[in-house]
């Protein structure tokens, strides 16, 4: 009896030789080296083909990436939601001051 070997691709069986080796998927290489920077240039033509060069270019030109603002944006989102829900801590003070000024004759007159 002869052994047979199959691999499945999109649910379809394909017969392969007994010594067939599946190629190793190396999709994670980009995470471990500077491959994503290969031949990369800034808009002014400066080569930034490594992480170190990219960091130095950004620092020298006063630039940043959007991931530096992740916490800032999340905090601002929470503040906006609180304002929309009427939870603005400054609103109560402003209303109290406005009532006080109107009651004491210092309010705006139009």
Protein backbone atom coordinates (compact mmCIF):
# COMPACT_ATOMS: atom_id res chain seq x y z
CA UNK A 1 0.00 0.00 0.00
CA UNK A 2 1.41 3.36 -1.04
CA UNK A 3 1.15 6.31 1.30
CA UNK A 4 -0.28 9.51 -0.08
CA UNK A 5 -0.10 12.97 1.40
CA UNK A 6 -2.44 15.92 0.86
CA UNK A 7 -2.50 19.56 1.83
CA UNK A 8 -5.69 21.58 1.86
CA UNK A 9 -5.94 25.03 0.34
CA UNK A 10 -9.28 26.87 0.58
CA UNK A 11 -10.94 23.58 1.45
CA UNK A 12 -9.58 21.75 -1.62
CA UNK A 13 -7.18 18.79 -1.20
CA UNK A 14 -3.94 18.79 -3.23
CA UNK A 15 -1.69 15.75 -3.35
CA UNK A 16 1.96 16.43 -2.55
CA UNK A 17 5.08 14.28 -2.34
CA UNK A 18 5.97 12.62 0.94
CA UNK A 19 9.01 14.89 1.36
CA UNK A 20 7.06 18.11 0.66
CA UNK A 21 7.86 20.89 3.12
CA UNK A 22 5.34 23.66 3.68
CA UNK A 23 7.03 27.08 3.32
CA UNK A 24 7.27 28.89 6.64
CA UNK A 25 5.12 32.02 6.75
CA UNK A 26 7.40 34.88 7.77
CA UNK A 27 4.79 37.63 7.89
CA UNK A 28 6.07 38.65 11.31
CA UNK A 29 9.56 39.60 10.08
CA UNK A 30 8.49 43.20 9.67
CA UNK A 31 7.98 43.40 13.42
CA UNK A 32 11.52 42.29 14.18
CA UNK A 33 13.66 44.34 11.83
CA UNK A 34 13.75 47.47 9.72
CA UNK A 35 12.42 45.81 6.57
CA UNK A 36 9.50 48.25 6.45
CA UNK A 37 12.04 51.09 6.20
CA UNK A 38 13.81 49.67 3.13
CA UNK A 39 14.39 52.44 0.55
CA UNK A 40 12.15 54.80 2.52
CA UNK A 41 12.71 58.53 2.02
CA UNK A 42 11.11 61.57 3.63
CA UNK A 43 9.18 64.00 1.45
CA UNK A 44 12.29 66.17 1.15
CA UNK A 45 14.34 63.18 -0.10
CA UNK A 46 16.20 62.48 3.13
CA UNK A 47 16.79 58.73 3.51
CA UNK A 48 15.07 57.34 6.60
CA UNK A 49 15.77 53.69 5.92
CA UNK A 50 16.05 52.59 9.54
CA UNK A 51 14.17 53.22 12.77
CA UNK A 52 17.06 55.21 14.19
CA UNK A 53 17.24 57.47 11.11
CA UNK A 54 13.47 57.90 11.16
CA UNK A 55 13.49 58.86 14.86
CA UNK A 56 16.37 61.30 14.33
CA UNK A 57 14.67 62.90 11.30
CA UNK A 58 11.42 63.33 13.23
CA UNK A 59 13.25 64.84 16.22
CA UNK A 60 15.35 67.20 14.07
CA UNK A 61 12.29 68.50 12.21
CA UNK A 62 9.96 68.80 15.20
CA UNK A 63 7.64 66.07 13.92
CA UNK A 64 5.85 63.22 15.62
CA UNK A 65 3.66 60.27 14.77
CA UNK A 66 -0.01 60.06 15.65
CA UNK A 67 0.54 57.26 18.18
CA UNK A 68 2.14 59.88 20.45
CA UNK A 69 -1.32 61.41 20.89
CA UNK A 70 -3.27 58.24 21.67
CA UNK A 71 -3.76 59.05 25.36
CA UNK A 72 -4.44 62.71 24.60
CA UNK A 73 -7.21 61.86 22.16
CA UNK A 74 -8.77 59.30 24.49
CA UNK A 75 -8.80 61.84 27.34
CA UNK A 76 -10.36 64.51 25.12
CA UNK A 77 -13.02 62.03 24.01
CA UNK A 78 -13.99 61.38 27.63
CA UNK A 79 -14.18 65.12 28.32
CA UNK A 80 -16.40 65.66 25.27
CA UNK A 81 -18.73 62.88 26.37
CA UNK A 82 -18.98 64.42 29.86
CA UNK A 83 -19.82 67.84 28.39
CA UNK A 84 -22.49 66.35 26.14
CA UNK A 85 -24.00 64.59 29.17
CA UNK A 86 -24.04 67.88 31.11
CA UNK A 87 -21.24 66.86 33.45
CA UNK A 88 -19.02 69.90 32.74
CA UNK A 89 -17.50 70.93 36.10
CA UNK A 90 -17.09 74.56 35.00
CA UNK A 91 -20.71 75.04 33.96
CA UNK A 92 -22.12 75.18 37.51
CA UNK A 93 -19.62 77.87 38.55
CA UNK A 94 -20.32 79.94 35.44
CA UNK A 95 -24.08 79.78 35.97
CA UNK A 96 -23.70 80.73 39.65
CA UNK A 97 -21.48 83.68 38.73
CA UNK A 98 -23.90 84.85 36.03
CA UNK A 99 -26.85 84.71 38.47
CA UNK A 100 -24.85 86.57 41.10
CA UNK A 101 -23.87 89.31 38.66
CA UNK A 102 -27.43 89.74 37.40
CA UNK A 103 -28.78 89.88 40.96
CA UNK A 104 -26.19 92.46 42.00
CA UNK A 105 -26.60 94.71 38.96
CA UNK A 106 -23.26 93.83 37.36
CA UNK A 107 -24.68 91.69 34.58
CA UNK A 108 -24.55 92.66 30.93
CA UNK A 109 -27.22 94.97 29.75
CA UNK A 110 -28.15 94.87 26.15
